[in-house]
């Protein structure tokens, strides 16, 4: 039986408390949050869990095999370092940290202490995203020209980080996971309308060595909730709509064929292909639950999780370059 502790019971913490309390092979032994009123409410529904207002006291008084960290992004590095140093495996909400230097430090610390470090890139554990990855890897979509993603809504508005750091990690993680490679350059534009220091909307552009492009639009200042990712291949096109619970995936047999026949030298006829639209059946499960199950399995077996610290580092590497580009007016940042 794996003893689990949870740090942070704000936005995502309650979901982790619920799920880990239901999973076989583990038990939530303790949880902490700085808000005493919040703790009082949770203690009524989870009488077997010991609650703390100080996570350091929790780590000292409880023997915890694994700890889930669901605190503001600005605290990730410090708390994760503390937890790993005390001997616990860690599942940490995205992003891993604010800089690649901090991320690398945490990856090295986890390896040194032989601990699992897993980042909560929940969309990687979405069945529909896994289906797209397998479809692309099988070659059925053909050569992928580009992928574009849109993540917008009116709120929730964060006060510790901007829309880029808050929202874009979801789509960056999906891009890297589906394509199985890292970009060679990044550029980004963004604007701050509500605050002078944090952007409310951002446009992120990624370029890969083979010519594939990625484009991400994020905003917490729009009237509609949109969670879409579109893959454009030369054989098939795929649309993933996370808001559509009945048909989250649609495969379009559409494309453009260059005819070998031409009328004059250097002129090629473009033939548009407009075929069937298929909605494959995907057995949807709660992605967060799948992620938590994967974490427990990694703790038990020592097997590296898909969204391990190294993967989290790759996402932050893109984010860090995007922030740098945005501050310089959209200048293209090369990635080593």
Protein backbone atom coordinates (compact mmCIF):
# COMPACT_ATOMS: atom_id res chain seq x y z
CA UNK A 1 0.00 0.00 0.00
CA UNK A 2 1.53 3.29 -1.15
CA UNK A 3 1.09 6.22 1.21
CA UNK A 4 0.29 9.40 -0.72
CA UNK A 5 0.47 12.99 0.47
CA UNK A 6 -1.03 15.99 -1.32
CA UNK A 7 0.28 19.55 -1.12
CA UNK A 8 -2.21 22.20 -2.24
CA UNK A 9 -6.00 21.85 -2.15
CA UNK A 10 -6.92 24.79 -4.36
CA UNK A 11 -7.89 24.28 -8.02
CA UNK A 12 -6.52 20.82 -8.90
CA UNK A 13 -5.74 19.51 -5.40
CA UNK A 14 -9.33 18.42 -4.58
CA UNK A 15 -9.41 16.32 -7.77
CA UNK A 16 -6.20 14.57 -6.77
CA UNK A 17 -7.60 13.99 -3.28
CA UNK A 18 -10.74 12.43 -4.77
CA UNK A 19 -8.98 10.21 -7.29
CA UNK A 20 -6.15 8.90 -5.10
CA UNK A 21 -8.73 8.12 -2.40
CA UNK A 22 -10.47 5.83 -4.91
CA UNK A 23 -7.47 4.08 -6.50
CA UNK A 24 -6.44 0.57 -5.50
CA UNK A 25 -2.96 0.04 -4.13
CA UNK A 26 -2.64 3.42 -2.46
CA UNK A 27 -4.13 5.53 0.31
CA UNK A 28 -4.11 9.28 0.92
CA UNK A 29 -2.42 9.48 4.30
CA UNK A 30 -2.11 13.26 4.54
CA UNK A 31 -2.80 16.54 2.76
CA UNK A 32 -1.82 20.14 3.36
CA UNK A 33 -3.04 23.60 2.46
CA UNK A 34 -2.33 27.02 3.93
CA UNK A 35 -6.08 27.82 4.13
CA UNK A 36 -7.37 26.45 7.45
CA UNK A 37 -11.03 26.92 6.42
CA UNK A 38 -10.44 24.84 3.31
CA UNK A 39 -8.86 22.11 5.43
CA UNK A 40 -11.80 22.16 7.80
CA UNK A 41 -14.21 21.51 4.93
CA UNK A 42 -12.17 18.64 3.47
CA UNK A 43 -11.61 16.97 6.85
CA UNK A 44 -15.36 16.37 7.14
CA UNK A 45 -15.45 14.37 3.90
CA UNK A 46 -12.10 12.61 4.35
CA UNK A 47 -11.92 11.59 8.02
CA UNK A 48 -9.11 9.06 7.43
CA UNK A 49 -6.79 11.75 6.00
CA UNK A 50 -4.59 13.80 8.32
CA UNK A 51 -4.58 17.46 7.31
CA UNK A 52 -1.87 20.09 7.84
CA UNK A 53 -1.50 23.81 7.20
CA UNK A 54 2.29 23.42 6.87
CA UNK A 55 3.52 20.94 4.27
CA UNK A 56 6.95 20.70 5.93
CA UNK A 57 5.31 19.51 9.14
CA UNK A 58 3.37 16.95 7.08
CA UNK A 59 6.58 15.65 5.52
CA UNK A 60 8.20 15.41 8.96
CA UNK A 61 5.38 13.68 10.80
CA UNK A 62 4.09 11.36 8.06
CA UNK A 63 5.87 8.55 6.21
CA UNK A 64 4.94 9.26 2.58
CA UNK A 65 6.01 7.13 -0.36
CA UNK A 66 4.70 9.63 -2.89
CA UNK A 67 3.63 13.26 -2.84
CA UNK A 68 1.38 15.16 -5.25
CA UNK A 69 2.16 18.87 -5.60
CA UNK A 70 -0.69 21.09 -6.81
CA UNK A 71 0.53 24.55 -5.82
CA UNK A 72 1.12 27.77 -7.80
CA UNK A 73 3.76 27.51 -10.53
CA UNK A 74 6.11 29.93 -8.77
CA UNK A 75 6.43 27.48 -5.85
CA UNK A 76 7.07 24.32 -7.87
CA UNK A 77 10.85 24.30 -7.77
CA UNK A 78 11.25 24.96 -4.05
CA UNK A 79 8.58 22.51 -2.88
CA UNK A 80 9.56 19.73 -5.28
CA UNK A 81 13.18 20.00 -4.25
CA UNK A 82 12.16 19.74 -0.59
CA UNK A 83 9.94 16.70 -1.17
CA UNK A 84 12.44 14.71 -3.26
CA UNK A 85 15.24 15.48 -0.82
CA UNK A 86 13.10 13.98 1.96
CA UNK A 87 12.76 10.72 0.01
CA UNK A 88 9.35 10.79 -1.70
CA UNK A 89 8.36 10.24 -5.32
CA UNK A 90 6.66 13.27 -6.88
CA UNK A 91 3.74 13.95 -9.20
CA UNK A 92 3.81 17.67 -9.93
CA UNK A 93 1.27 19.86 -11.69
CA UNK A 94 2.47 21.40 -14.95
CA UNK A 95 4.74 23.13 -15.72
CA UNK A 96 7.66 21.44 -13.97
CA UNK A 97 9.25 24.79 -13.07
CA UNK A 98 9.69 28.30 -14.48
CA UNK A 99 13.14 27.85 -16.07
CA UNK A 100 15.10 25.08 -17.76
CA UNK A 101 17.83 25.51 -15.15
CA UNK A 102 15.36 24.75 -12.35
CA UNK A 103 13.90 21.83 -14.31
CA UNK A 104 17.31 20.29 -14.95
CA UNK A 105 18.16 20.63 -11.27
CA UNK A 106 14.99 18.72 -10.30
CA UNK A 107 15.61 16.02 -12.93
CA UNK A 108 19.16 15.53 -11.63
CA UNK A 109 17.97 15.45 -8.02
CA UNK A 110 15.32 12.81 -8.80
CA UNK A 111 17.86 10.65 -10.62
CA UNK A 112 20.38 11.00 -7.80
CA UNK A 113 17.79 9.96 -5.21
CA UNK A 114 16.30 7.28 -7.50
CA UNK A 115 12.84 8.81 -7.29
CA UNK A 116 10.05 9.10 -9.83
CA UNK A 117 9.51 12.67 -10.99
CA UNK A 118 6.34 12.96 -13.05
CA UNK A 119 4.72 16.11 -14.46
CA UNK A 120 0.94 16.44 -14.74
CA UNK A 121 0.63 16.93 -18.48
CA UNK A 122 -2.88 15.49 -18.33
CA UNK A 123 -3.65 15.61 -22.06
CA UNK A 124 -0.96 13.02 -22.77
CA UNK A 125 -3.15 10.59 -20.83
CA UNK A 126 -6.26 11.49 -22.83
CA UNK A 127 -7.38 8.47 -24.89
CA UNK A 128 -8.10 10.67 -27.93
CA UNK A 129 -4.57 12.14 -27.92
CA UNK A 130 -3.11 8.64 -27.64
CA UNK A 131 -5.23 7.61 -30.62
CA UNK A 132 -3.91 10.53 -32.68
CA UNK A 133 -0.30 9.69 -31.80
CA UNK A 134 -0.75 6.07 -32.90
CA UNK A 135 -2.51 7.18 -36.09
CA UNK A 136 0.28 9.59 -37.01
CA UNK A 137 3.04 7.11 -36.15
CA UNK A 138 1.38 4.43 -38.29
CA UNK A 139 1.68 6.75 -41.30
CA UNK A 140 -2.05 6.85 -41.99
CA UNK A 141 -2.09 10.65 -41.85
CA UNK A 142 0.88 10.77 -44.20
CA UNK A 143 3.49 13.48 -43.85
CA UNK A 144 2.38 15.95 -41.20
CA UNK A 145 2.61 19.48 -42.58
CA UNK A 146 1.57 21.31 -39.41
CA UNK A 147 -0.46 21.14 -36.22
CA UNK A 148 -2.38 24.06 -34.78
CA UNK A 149 -4.07 24.26 -31.40
CA UNK A 150 -6.50 26.70 -29.83
CA UNK A 151 -7.23 26.99 -26.09
CA UNK A 152 -9.49 29.91 -25.18
CA UNK A 153 -12.14 30.85 -22.64
CA UNK A 154 -13.27 33.76 -20.49
CA UNK A 155 -11.13 33.00 -17.42
CA UNK A 156 -10.01 31.62 -15.12
CA UNK A 157 -7.51 34.47 -14.81
CA UNK A 158 -4.30 33.67 -12.96
CA UNK A 159 -2.37 36.18 -10.87
CA UNK A 160 0.97 34.35 -10.62
CA UNK A 161 1.68 33.65 -14.30
CA UNK A 162 0.38 34.82 -17.69
CA UNK A 163 -1.83 32.97 -20.17
CA UNK A 164 1.17 31.53 -22.00
CA UNK A 165 2.65 29.71 -18.99
CA UNK A 166 -0.80 28.79 -17.66
CA UNK A 167 -2.41 27.42 -20.82
CA UNK A 168 0.20 26.67 -23.49
CA UNK A 169 1.91 23.74 -21.68
CA UNK A 170 -1.15 21.61 -22.47
CA UNK A 171 -0.80 22.14 -26.22
CA UNK A 172 3.00 22.11 -26.28
CA UNK A 173 2.96 18.75 -24.51
CA UNK A 174 0.49 17.34 -27.06
CA UNK A 175 2.58 18.62 -29.98
CA UNK A 176 5.80 17.10 -28.64
CA UNK A 177 4.05 13.85 -27.71
CA UNK A 178 2.24 13.36 -31.03
CA UNK A 179 5.23 14.30 -33.20
CA UNK A 180 7.83 12.62 -30.99
CA UNK A 181 10.39 15.37 -31.56
CA UNK A 182 11.41 18.81 -30.35
CA UNK A 183 11.26 22.10 -32.30
CA UNK A 184 14.42 23.82 -33.52
CA UNK A 185 13.05 27.36 -33.13
CA UNK A 186 10.28 29.20 -31.32
CA UNK A 187 8.64 32.61 -31.67
CA UNK A 188 5.72 34.17 -29.82
CA UNK A 189 3.58 37.30 -29.61
CA UNK A 190 1.34 38.29 -26.74
CA UNK A 191 -0.49 41.21 -25.20
CA UNK A 192 -1.43 42.21 -21.65
CA UNK A 193 -4.80 43.96 -21.48
CA UNK A 194 -5.88 43.34 -17.89
CA UNK A 195 -2.44 43.68 -16.28
CA UNK A 196 0.73 45.38 -17.42
CA UNK A 197 2.96 42.46 -16.48
CA UNK A 198 1.06 39.30 -17.53
CA UNK A 199 -0.18 38.53 -21.02
CA UNK A 200 -3.86 37.61 -21.48
CA UNK A 201 -3.48 36.31 -25.02
CA UNK A 202 -0.53 34.73 -26.83
CA UNK A 203 0.31 33.21 -30.22
CA UNK A 204 3.11 30.67 -30.26
CA UNK A 205 4.88 29.36 -33.37
CA UNK A 206 7.17 26.30 -33.45
CA UNK A 207 9.34 25.07 -36.31
CA UNK A 208 10.79 21.56 -36.57
CA UNK A 209 13.87 20.38 -38.45
CA UNK A 210 11.87 18.49 -41.10
CA UNK A 211 9.72 21.53 -41.92
CA UNK A 212 6.73 20.62 -39.76
CA UNK A 213 5.17 23.62 -38.05
CA UNK A 214 3.22 24.01 -34.84
CA UNK A 215 0.98 26.92 -33.90
CA UNK A 216 -0.72 27.56 -30.55
CA UNK A 217 -3.27 30.25 -29.66
CA UNK A 218 -4.12 30.71 -25.98
CA UNK A 219 -6.30 33.29 -24.24
CA UNK A 220 -8.37 33.68 -21.09
CA UNK A 221 -10.12 36.72 -22.56
CA UNK A 222 -12.53 35.24 -25.12
CA UNK A 223 -16.30 34.55 -25.06
CA UNK A 224 -16.16 30.86 -26.07
CA UNK A 225 -14.50 27.85 -24.50
CA UNK A 226 -12.43 26.25 -27.26
CA UNK A 227 -10.15 23.23 -26.82
CA UNK A 228 -9.17 22.11 -30.30
CA UNK A 229 -6.14 20.58 -31.96
CA UNK A 230 -5.92 20.04 -35.73
CA UNK A 231 -3.36 17.83 -37.49
CA UNK A 232 -2.84 18.53 -41.20
CA UNK A 233 -1.28 15.61 -43.06
CA UNK A 234 -0.90 15.03 -46.79
CA UNK A 235 -3.13 11.94 -46.58
CA UNK A 236 -5.58 12.70 -43.78
CA UNK A 237 -6.53 15.56 -41.48
CA UNK A 238 -7.52 15.11 -37.85
CA UNK A 239 -9.53 17.38 -35.54
CA UNK A 240 -9.58 16.79 -31.78
CA UNK A 241 -12.29 18.76 -29.99
CA UNK A 242 -12.01 18.23 -26.25
CA UNK A 243 -15.26 20.11 -25.63
CA UNK A 244 -17.23 17.70 -27.84
CA UNK A 245 -17.90 14.71 -25.57
CA UNK A 246 -19.85 12.73 -28.21
CA UNK A 247 -17.41 13.10 -31.14
CA UNK A 248 -14.04 14.25 -29.79
CA UNK A 249 -12.22 12.97 -32.90
CA UNK A 250 -12.98 13.49 -36.58
CA UNK A 251 -10.81 12.15 -39.41
CA UNK A 252 -11.10 13.98 -42.74
CA UNK A 253 -10.11 12.22 -45.95
CA UNK A 254 -9.20 15.52 -47.52
CA UNK A 255 -6.07 16.82 -49.20
CA UNK A 256 -4.40 18.22 -52.28
CA UNK A 257 -2.77 16.13 -55.01
CA UNK A 258 -0.29 17.54 -57.50
CA UNK A 259 -1.08 16.19 -60.95
CA UNK A 260 1.82 14.88 -63.03
CA UNK A 261 0.15 16.33 -66.09
CA UNK A 262 0.70 20.01 -66.78
CA UNK A 263 -0.14 22.43 -69.54
CA UNK A 264 3.04 24.46 -69.62
CA UNK A 265 6.56 24.00 -68.28
CA UNK A 266 6.68 24.41 -64.51
CA UNK A 267 2.90 24.52 -64.16
CA UNK A 268 1.23 21.81 -62.09
CA UNK A 269 -2.46 21.22 -61.63
CA UNK A 270 -3.67 20.97 -58.07
CA UNK A 271 -6.44 18.42 -57.49
CA UNK A 272 -8.51 18.78 -54.34
CA UNK A 273 -9.49 15.52 -52.64
CA UNK A 274 -12.70 15.67 -50.61
CA UNK A 275 -13.61 12.26 -49.18
CA UNK A 276 -15.37 10.84 -46.15
CA UNK A 277 -15.39 12.20 -42.61
CA UNK A 278 -15.07 9.49 -39.95
CA UNK A 279 -15.58 9.75 -36.20
CA UNK A 280 -13.63 6.86 -34.66
CA UNK A 281 -14.93 5.39 -31.43
CA UNK A 282 -12.66 6.25 -28.52
CA UNK A 283 -13.26 4.75 -25.09
CA UNK A 284 -13.00 7.96 -23.12
CA UNK A 285 -11.89 7.78 -19.50
CA UNK A 286 -11.02 10.56 -17.06
CA UNK A 287 -7.50 11.64 -18.16
CA UNK A 288 -6.54 12.78 -14.66
CA UNK A 289 -7.43 9.36 -13.26
CA UNK A 290 -5.36 7.66 -15.97
CA UNK A 291 -2.48 9.96 -15.11
CA UNK A 292 -2.74 9.13 -11.39
CA UNK A 293 -2.86 5.40 -12.16
CA UNK A 294 0.25 5.75 -14.31
CA UNK A 295 2.02 7.52 -11.44
CA UNK A 296 1.19 4.75 -8.94
CA UNK A 297 2.34 2.14 -11.46
CA UNK A 298 5.64 3.98 -11.92
CA UNK A 299 6.16 4.18 -8.16
CA UNK A 300 5.50 0.44 -7.83
CA UNK A 301 7.62 -0.73 -10.76
CA UNK A 302 10.21 2.03 -11.15
CA UNK A 303 9.21 2.34 -14.82
CA UNK A 304 9.73 5.80 -16.30
CA UNK A 305 6.39 7.60 -16.89
CA UNK A 306 5.62 9.12 -20.28
CA UNK A 307 5.50 12.63 -18.80
CA UNK A 308 8.62 12.27 -16.68
CA UNK A 309 10.90 15.09 -15.58
CA UNK A 310 12.85 15.02 -18.86
CA UNK A 311 9.64 15.46 -20.86
CA UNK A 312 8.58 18.27 -18.51
CA UNK A 313 11.97 19.90 -19.11
CA UNK A 314 11.38 19.81 -22.89
CA UNK A 315 8.04 21.59 -22.48
CA UNK A 316 9.56 24.29 -20.26
CA UNK A 317 12.42 24.70 -22.75
CA UNK A 318 9.84 25.71 -25.37
CA UNK A 319 7.97 27.91 -22.89
CA UNK A 320 11.14 29.70 -21.80
CA UNK A 321 12.08 30.42 -25.43
CA UNK A 322 8.53 31.64 -26.13
CA UNK A 323 8.63 34.07 -23.21
CA UNK A 324 12.00 35.34 -24.38
CA UNK A 325 10.66 35.81 -27.90
CA UNK A 326 7.52 37.57 -26.66
CA UNK A 327 9.57 40.05 -24.61
CA UNK A 328 11.70 40.84 -27.67
CA UNK A 329 8.74 41.55 -29.94
CA UNK A 330 8.42 38.10 -31.51
CA UNK A 331 12.06 37.48 -32.41
CA UNK A 332 12.75 33.86 -33.42
CA UNK A 333 14.64 31.98 -30.71
CA UNK A 334 16.81 29.06 -31.79
CA UNK A 335 16.80 25.97 -29.59
CA UNK A 336 19.94 23.91 -29.12
